[in-house]
Amino acid sequence: MTYLKLFFVFFKVGLFSFGGGYAILPLMRHEVVDINKWISFHEFMEIVAISQITPGPISINLATHAGYRIAQTMGSTIATFSVILPSIIIMTIIVVFLKKFSDLPVVKRTFAALRITVVGLILAAAVALFVKDNFIDYRSYIIFASVLIGGLFFKIGSITLIISSGLAGLLLYYIF
C-alpha cells in the first residue's frame, strides 16, 4: 500500500461524502473495509465507536483513527489531511460564487436535493451500524434501547447519553 493510494482513497471519501459526520460512514466503510481490505469490519466498528466519543467532527476523527490503523502516524496524517482537503477546496469556491448566484432557482433546487441526500446517507449509516456484531448480549440491547428512547422521546442530550451509557456499561458488565 502506498501513501499516495491512501491519499486518493480518503480524498475521494471526503469529496463524495455530502453532509459529513455520519453520512461519511457508508462510503468510508466501503472503501476501507470492502474494497481495499485495509481493516476488518469489526475494527471499523471499533473506530466508529472511538470517533463518536472523541471530541471533534466524527468524519475527521474517523479518518484519523482509520489512517492510524492502516499506516500508523503517517497514515493518520495523510488520511486526515486528504479527507478535509475537498471541503476546503469546495467551500472556497462556494464562498466566492454563492453570493452571486444564491437566488437562482437551480441553486436553490440543488441545495434542497443535497439536504434530502444527506438525510438518506445518515439513515444508511444508522442501518449499517445496526448489525448483530455491535450487540454483545441482552445487556447491550438494554443500553441501546435506553439511549434510543432517551434521545428520541425524552430529548436527552448526547453528552448525557454517552456518560450514562458508559456508567450503565460499567454497572451491567463489571458490577452485576
C-alpha atoms as a PDB file:
ATOM      1  CA  MET A   1       0.000   0.000   0.000  1.00  0.00           C
ATOM      2  CA  THR A   2       1.345   3.381  -0.905  1.00  0.00           C
ATOM      3  CA  TYR A   3       0.702   6.649   0.846  1.00  0.00           C
ATOM      4  CA  LEU A   4      -0.494   8.032  -2.476  1.00  0.00           C
ATOM      5  CA  LYS A   5      -3.272   5.418  -2.650  1.00  0.00           C
ATOM      6  CA  LEU A   6      -4.227   6.245   0.934  1.00  0.00           C
ATOM      7  CA  PHE A   7      -4.388   9.926  -0.030  1.00  0.00           C
ATOM      8  CA  PHE A   8      -6.645   9.303  -3.051  1.00  0.00           C
ATOM      9  CA  VAL A   9      -8.994   6.949  -1.189  1.00  0.00           C
ATOM     10  CA  PHE A  10      -9.565   9.415   1.658  1.00  0.00           C
ATOM     11  CA  PHE A  11      -9.720  12.357  -0.752  1.00  0.00           C
ATOM     12  CA  LYS A  12     -12.490  10.516  -2.629  1.00  0.00           C
ATOM     13  CA  VAL A  13     -14.300   9.811   0.651  1.00  0.00           C
ATOM     14  CA  GLY A  14     -14.068  13.484   1.588  1.00  0.00           C
ATOM     15  CA  LEU A  15     -15.138  14.598  -1.876  1.00  0.00           C
ATOM     16  CA  PHE A  16     -18.247  12.425  -2.138  1.00  0.00           C
ATOM     17  CA  SER A  17     -19.444  12.342   1.477  1.00  0.00           C
ATOM     18  CA  PHE A  18     -22.009  15.104   1.388  1.00  0.00           C
ATOM     19  CA  GLY A  19     -23.153  16.015   4.872  1.00  0.00           C
ATOM     20  CA  GLY A  20     -20.010  14.857   6.667  1.00  0.00           C
ATOM     21  CA  GLY A  21     -20.459  13.237  10.052  1.00  0.00           C
ATOM     22  CA  TYR A  22     -22.482  10.063   9.922  1.00  0.00           C
ATOM     23  CA  ALA A  23     -23.053  10.449   6.205  1.00  0.00           C
ATOM     24  CA  ILE A  24     -19.387   9.541   5.682  1.00  0.00           C
ATOM     25  CA  LEU A  25     -19.731   6.089   7.270  1.00  0.00           C
ATOM     26  CA  PRO A  26     -21.110   4.063   4.335  1.00  0.00           C
ATOM     27  CA  LEU A  27     -18.570   5.365   1.836  1.00  0.00           C
ATOM     28  CA  MET A  28     -15.613   5.079   4.208  1.00  0.00           C
ATOM     29  CA  ARG A  29     -16.582   1.534   5.190  1.00  0.00           C
ATOM     30  CA  HIS A  30     -16.947   0.593   1.534  1.00  0.00           C
ATOM     31  CA  GLU A  31     -13.529   1.998   0.623  1.00  0.00           C
ATOM     32  CA  VAL A  32     -11.528   0.946   3.685  1.00  0.00           C
ATOM     33  CA  VAL A  33     -13.140  -2.402   4.532  1.00  0.00           C
ATOM     34  CA  ASP A  34     -14.805  -3.755   1.391  1.00  0.00           C
ATOM     35  CA  ILE A  35     -12.624  -2.549  -1.491  1.00  0.00           C
ATOM     36  CA  ASN A  36      -9.120  -2.098  -0.058  1.00  0.00           C
ATOM     37  CA  LYS A  37      -9.490  -4.543   2.863  1.00  0.00           C
ATOM     38  CA  TRP A  38      -7.118  -2.467   4.977  1.00  0.00           C
ATOM     39  CA  ILE A  39      -9.047  -3.246   8.146  1.00  0.00           C
ATOM     40  CA  SER A  40     -11.825  -5.648   9.140  1.00  0.00           C
ATOM     41  CA  PHE A  41     -15.461  -4.680   9.667  1.00  0.00           C
ATOM     42  CA  HIS A  42     -15.019  -5.310  13.392  1.00  0.00           C
ATOM     43  CA  GLU A  43     -12.020  -2.930  13.522  1.00  0.00           C
ATOM     44  CA  PHE A  44     -14.009  -0.355  11.561  1.00  0.00           C
ATOM     45  CA  MET A  45     -16.855  -0.538  14.073  1.00  0.00           C
ATOM     46  CA  GLU A  46     -14.360  -0.017  16.911  1.00  0.00           C
ATOM     47  CA  ILE A  47     -13.034   3.056  15.105  1.00  0.00           C
ATOM     48  CA  VAL A  48     -16.588   4.369  14.682  1.00  0.00           C
ATOM     49  CA  ALA A  49     -17.221   3.962  18.417  1.00  0.00           C
ATOM     50  CA  ILE A  50     -13.978   5.735  19.334  1.00  0.00           C
ATOM     51  CA  SER A  51     -14.666   8.507  16.807  1.00  0.00           C
ATOM     52  CA  GLN A  52     -18.103   9.141  18.277  1.00  0.00           C
ATOM     53  CA  ILE A  53     -16.805   9.778  21.779  1.00  0.00           C
ATOM     54  CA  THR A  54     -13.651  11.650  20.781  1.00  0.00           C
ATOM     55  CA  PRO A  55     -14.080  15.442  20.718  1.00  0.00           C
ATOM     56  CA  GLY A  56     -14.305  16.940  17.235  1.00  0.00           C
ATOM     57  CA  PRO A  57     -16.079  16.170  13.974  1.00  0.00           C
ATOM     58  CA  ILE A  58     -16.731  12.454  13.543  1.00  0.00           C
ATOM     59  CA  SER A  59     -15.591  12.444   9.918  1.00  0.00           C
ATOM     60  CA  ILE A  60     -12.164  13.820  10.824  1.00  0.00           C
ATOM     61  CA  ASN A  61     -11.859  11.574  13.875  1.00  0.00           C
ATOM     62  CA  LEU A  62     -12.828   8.583  11.772  1.00  0.00           C
ATOM     63  CA  ALA A  63     -10.238   9.377   9.103  1.00  0.00           C
ATOM     64  CA  THR A  64      -7.570   9.985  11.752  1.00  0.00           C
ATOM     65  CA  HIS A  65      -8.226   6.711  13.595  1.00  0.00           C
ATOM     66  CA  ALA A  66      -8.609   4.651  10.404  1.00  0.00           C
ATOM     67  CA  GLY A  67      -5.465   6.166   8.901  1.00  0.00           C
ATOM     68  CA  TYR A  68      -3.544   5.278  12.037  1.00  0.00           C
ATOM     69  CA  ARG A  69      -4.768   1.674  11.947  1.00  0.00           C
ATOM     70  CA  ILE A  70      -3.782   1.453   8.290  1.00  0.00           C
ATOM     71  CA  ALA A  71      -0.336   3.108   8.330  1.00  0.00           C
ATOM     72  CA  GLN A  72       0.399   4.489  11.809  1.00  0.00           C
ATOM     73  CA  THR A  73       1.292   8.176  12.239  1.00  0.00           C
ATOM     74  CA  MET A  74       1.942   8.960   8.577  1.00  0.00           C
ATOM     75  CA  GLY A  75      -1.271   7.189   7.575  1.00  0.00           C
ATOM     76  CA  SER A  76      -3.192   9.156  10.172  1.00  0.00           C
ATOM     77  CA  THR A  77      -1.765  12.438   8.924  1.00  0.00           C
ATOM     78  CA  ILE A  78      -2.434  11.646   5.268  1.00  0.00           C
ATOM     79  CA  ALA A  79      -5.974  10.363   5.885  1.00  0.00           C
ATOM     80  CA  THR A  80      -6.923  13.384   7.985  1.00  0.00           C
ATOM     81  CA  PHE A  81      -5.496  15.910   5.539  1.00  0.00           C
ATOM     82  CA  SER A  82      -6.928  14.238   2.453  1.00  0.00           C
ATOM     83  CA  VAL A  83     -10.439  13.812   3.868  1.00  0.00           C
ATOM     84  CA  ILE A  84     -10.714  17.544   4.701  1.00  0.00           C
ATOM     85  CA  LEU A  85      -8.982  18.849   1.576  1.00  0.00           C
ATOM     86  CA  PRO A  86     -12.060  18.522  -0.700  1.00  0.00           C
ATOM     87  CA  SER A  87     -14.134  20.505   1.811  1.00  0.00           C
ATOM     88  CA  ILE A  88     -11.552  23.264   1.903  1.00  0.00           C
ATOM     89  CA  ILE A  89     -11.478  23.466  -1.897  1.00  0.00           C
ATOM     90  CA  ILE A  90     -15.260  23.270  -2.315  1.00  0.00           C
ATOM     91  CA  MET A  91     -16.007  25.785   0.449  1.00  0.00           C
ATOM     92  CA  THR A  92     -13.523  28.245  -1.028  1.00  0.00           C
ATOM     93  CA  ILE A  93     -15.251  28.002  -4.405  1.00  0.00           C
ATOM     94  CA  ILE A  94     -18.723  28.231  -2.857  1.00  0.00           C
ATOM     95  CA  VAL A  95     -17.877  31.293  -0.797  1.00  0.00           C
ATOM     96  CA  VAL A  96     -16.577  33.065  -3.874  1.00  0.00           C
ATOM     97  CA  PHE A  97     -19.550  32.253  -6.110  1.00  0.00           C
ATOM     98  CA  LEU A  98     -22.549  31.644  -3.819  1.00  0.00           C
ATOM     99  CA  LYS A  99     -23.216  35.284  -3.052  1.00  0.00           C
ATOM    100  CA  LYS A 100     -23.573  35.988  -6.753  1.00  0.00           C
ATOM    101  CA  PHE A 101     -25.809  33.011  -7.574  1.00  0.00           C
ATOM    102  CA  SER A 102     -27.679  32.090  -4.368  1.00  0.00           C
ATOM    103  CA  ASP A 103     -31.014  33.459  -5.596  1.00  0.00           C
ATOM    104  CA  LEU A 104     -31.063  31.376  -8.783  1.00  0.00           C
ATOM    105  CA  PRO A 105     -33.768  28.663  -8.776  1.00  0.00           C
ATOM    106  CA  VAL A 106     -31.315  25.984  -9.926  1.00  0.00           C
ATOM    107  CA  VAL A 107     -29.041  26.714  -6.938  1.00  0.00           C
ATOM    108  CA  LYS A 108     -31.989  26.561  -4.521  1.00  0.00           C
ATOM    109  CA  ARG A 109     -33.175  23.230  -6.005  1.00  0.00           C
ATOM    110  CA  THR A 110     -29.657  21.800  -5.868  1.00  0.00           C
ATOM    111  CA  PHE A 111     -29.317  22.596  -2.166  1.00  0.00           C
ATOM    112  CA  ALA A 112     -32.779  21.147  -1.482  1.00  0.00           C
ATOM    113  CA  ALA A 113     -31.735  17.914  -3.221  1.00  0.00           C
ATOM    114  CA  LEU A 114     -28.493  17.789  -1.241  1.00  0.00           C
ATOM    115  CA  ARG A 115     -30.399  18.119   2.053  1.00  0.00           C
ATOM    116  CA  ILE A 116     -32.535  15.045   1.327  1.00  0.00           C
ATOM    117  CA  THR A 117     -29.446  13.177   0.110  1.00  0.00           C
ATOM    118  CA  VAL A 118     -27.748  13.830   3.442  1.00  0.00           C
ATOM    119  CA  VAL A 119     -30.798  12.502   5.305  1.00  0.00           C
ATOM    120  CA  GLY A 120     -30.617   9.327   3.206  1.00  0.00           C
ATOM    121  CA  LEU A 121     -26.893   8.896   3.876  1.00  0.00           C
ATOM    122  CA  ILE A 122     -27.364   9.338   7.615  1.00  0.00           C
ATOM    123  CA  LEU A 123     -30.177   6.768   7.580  1.00  0.00           C
ATOM    124  CA  ALA A 124     -27.934   4.365   5.611  1.00  0.00           C
ATOM    125  CA  ALA A 125     -25.219   4.838   8.236  1.00  0.00           C
ATOM    126  CA  ALA A 126     -27.680   4.104  11.040  1.00  0.00           C
ATOM    127  CA  VAL A 127     -28.864   0.930   9.318  1.00  0.00           C
ATOM    128  CA  ALA A 128     -25.260  -0.150   8.638  1.00  0.00           C
ATOM    129  CA  LEU A 129     -24.427   0.211  12.336  1.00  0.00           C
ATOM    130  CA  PHE A 130     -27.409  -1.896  13.392  1.00  0.00           C
ATOM    131  CA  VAL A 131     -25.735  -5.292  12.992  1.00  0.00           C
ATOM    132  CA  LYS A 132     -25.503  -8.238  15.346  1.00  0.00           C
ATOM    133  CA  ASP A 133     -21.739  -7.761  15.819  1.00  0.00           C
ATOM    134  CA  ASN A 134     -22.401  -4.493  17.673  1.00  0.00           C
ATOM    135  CA  PHE A 135     -24.559  -6.231  20.274  1.00  0.00           C
ATOM    136  CA  ILE A 136     -22.733  -8.467  22.741  1.00  0.00           C
ATOM    137  CA  ASP A 137     -25.673  -9.830  24.721  1.00  0.00           C
ATOM    138  CA  TYR A 138     -29.008  -8.795  26.207  1.00  0.00           C
ATOM    139  CA  ARG A 139     -27.341  -6.053  28.307  1.00  0.00           C
ATOM    140  CA  SER A 140     -26.107  -4.262  25.194  1.00  0.00           C
ATOM    141  CA  TYR A 141     -29.678  -4.311  23.844  1.00  0.00           C
ATOM    142  CA  ILE A 142     -30.859  -2.721  27.112  1.00  0.00           C
ATOM    143  CA  ILE A 143     -28.282   0.066  26.802  1.00  0.00           C
ATOM    144  CA  PHE A 144     -29.180   0.596  23.133  1.00  0.00           C
ATOM    145  CA  ALA A 145     -32.917   0.746  23.818  1.00  0.00           C
ATOM    146  CA  SER A 146     -32.383   3.136  26.734  1.00  0.00           C
ATOM    147  CA  VAL A 147     -30.291   5.503  24.626  1.00  0.00           C
ATOM    148  CA  LEU A 148     -32.756   5.360  21.740  1.00  0.00           C
ATOM    149  CA  ILE A 149     -35.744   6.084  23.993  1.00  0.00           C
ATOM    150  CA  GLY A 150     -33.857   8.748  25.945  1.00  0.00           C
ATOM    151  CA  GLY A 151     -32.754  10.539  22.793  1.00  0.00           C
ATOM    152  CA  LEU A 152     -35.933  10.261  20.743  1.00  0.00           C
ATOM    153  CA  PHE A 153     -38.684  10.616  23.305  1.00  0.00           C
ATOM    154  CA  PHE A 154     -37.111  12.486  26.221  1.00  0.00           C
ATOM    155  CA  LYS A 155     -34.718  14.659  24.171  1.00  0.00           C
ATOM    156  CA  ILE A 156     -31.787  13.866  26.466  1.00  0.00           C
ATOM    157  CA  GLY A 157     -28.567  15.421  25.159  1.00  0.00           C
ATOM    158  CA  SER A 158     -25.851  13.304  23.560  1.00  0.00           C
ATOM    159  CA  ILE A 159     -23.255  14.087  26.246  1.00  0.00           C
ATOM    160  CA  THR A 160     -25.606  12.871  28.962  1.00  0.00           C
ATOM    161  CA  LEU A 161     -26.426   9.769  26.920  1.00  0.00           C
ATOM    162  CA  ILE A 162     -22.739   8.952  26.354  1.00  0.00           C
ATOM    163  CA  ILE A 163     -21.855   9.335  30.036  1.00  0.00           C
ATOM    164  CA  SER A 164     -24.962   7.412  31.112  1.00  0.00           C
ATOM    165  CA  SER A 165     -24.176   4.617  28.649  1.00  0.00           C
ATOM    166  CA  GLY A 166     -20.628   4.353  29.935  1.00  0.00           C
ATOM    167  CA  LEU A 167     -21.861   4.144  33.518  1.00  0.00           C
ATOM    168  CA  ALA A 168     -24.551   1.627  32.541  1.00  0.00           C
ATOM    169  CA  GLY A 169     -21.929  -0.492  30.779  1.00  0.00           C
ATOM    170  CA  LEU A 170     -19.695  -0.321  33.831  1.00  0.00           C
ATOM    171  CA  LEU A 171     -22.555  -1.339  36.110  1.00  0.00           C
ATOM    172  CA  LEU A 172     -24.013  -4.044  33.874  1.00  0.00           C
ATOM    173  CA  TYR A 173     -20.729  -5.653  32.813  1.00  0.00           C
ATOM    174  CA  TYR A 174     -18.427  -5.253  35.784  1.00  0.00           C
ATOM    175  CA  ILE A 175     -20.563  -4.916  38.901  1.00  0.00           C
ATOM    176  CA  PHE A 176     -23.641  -7.057  38.259  1.00  0.00           C
END
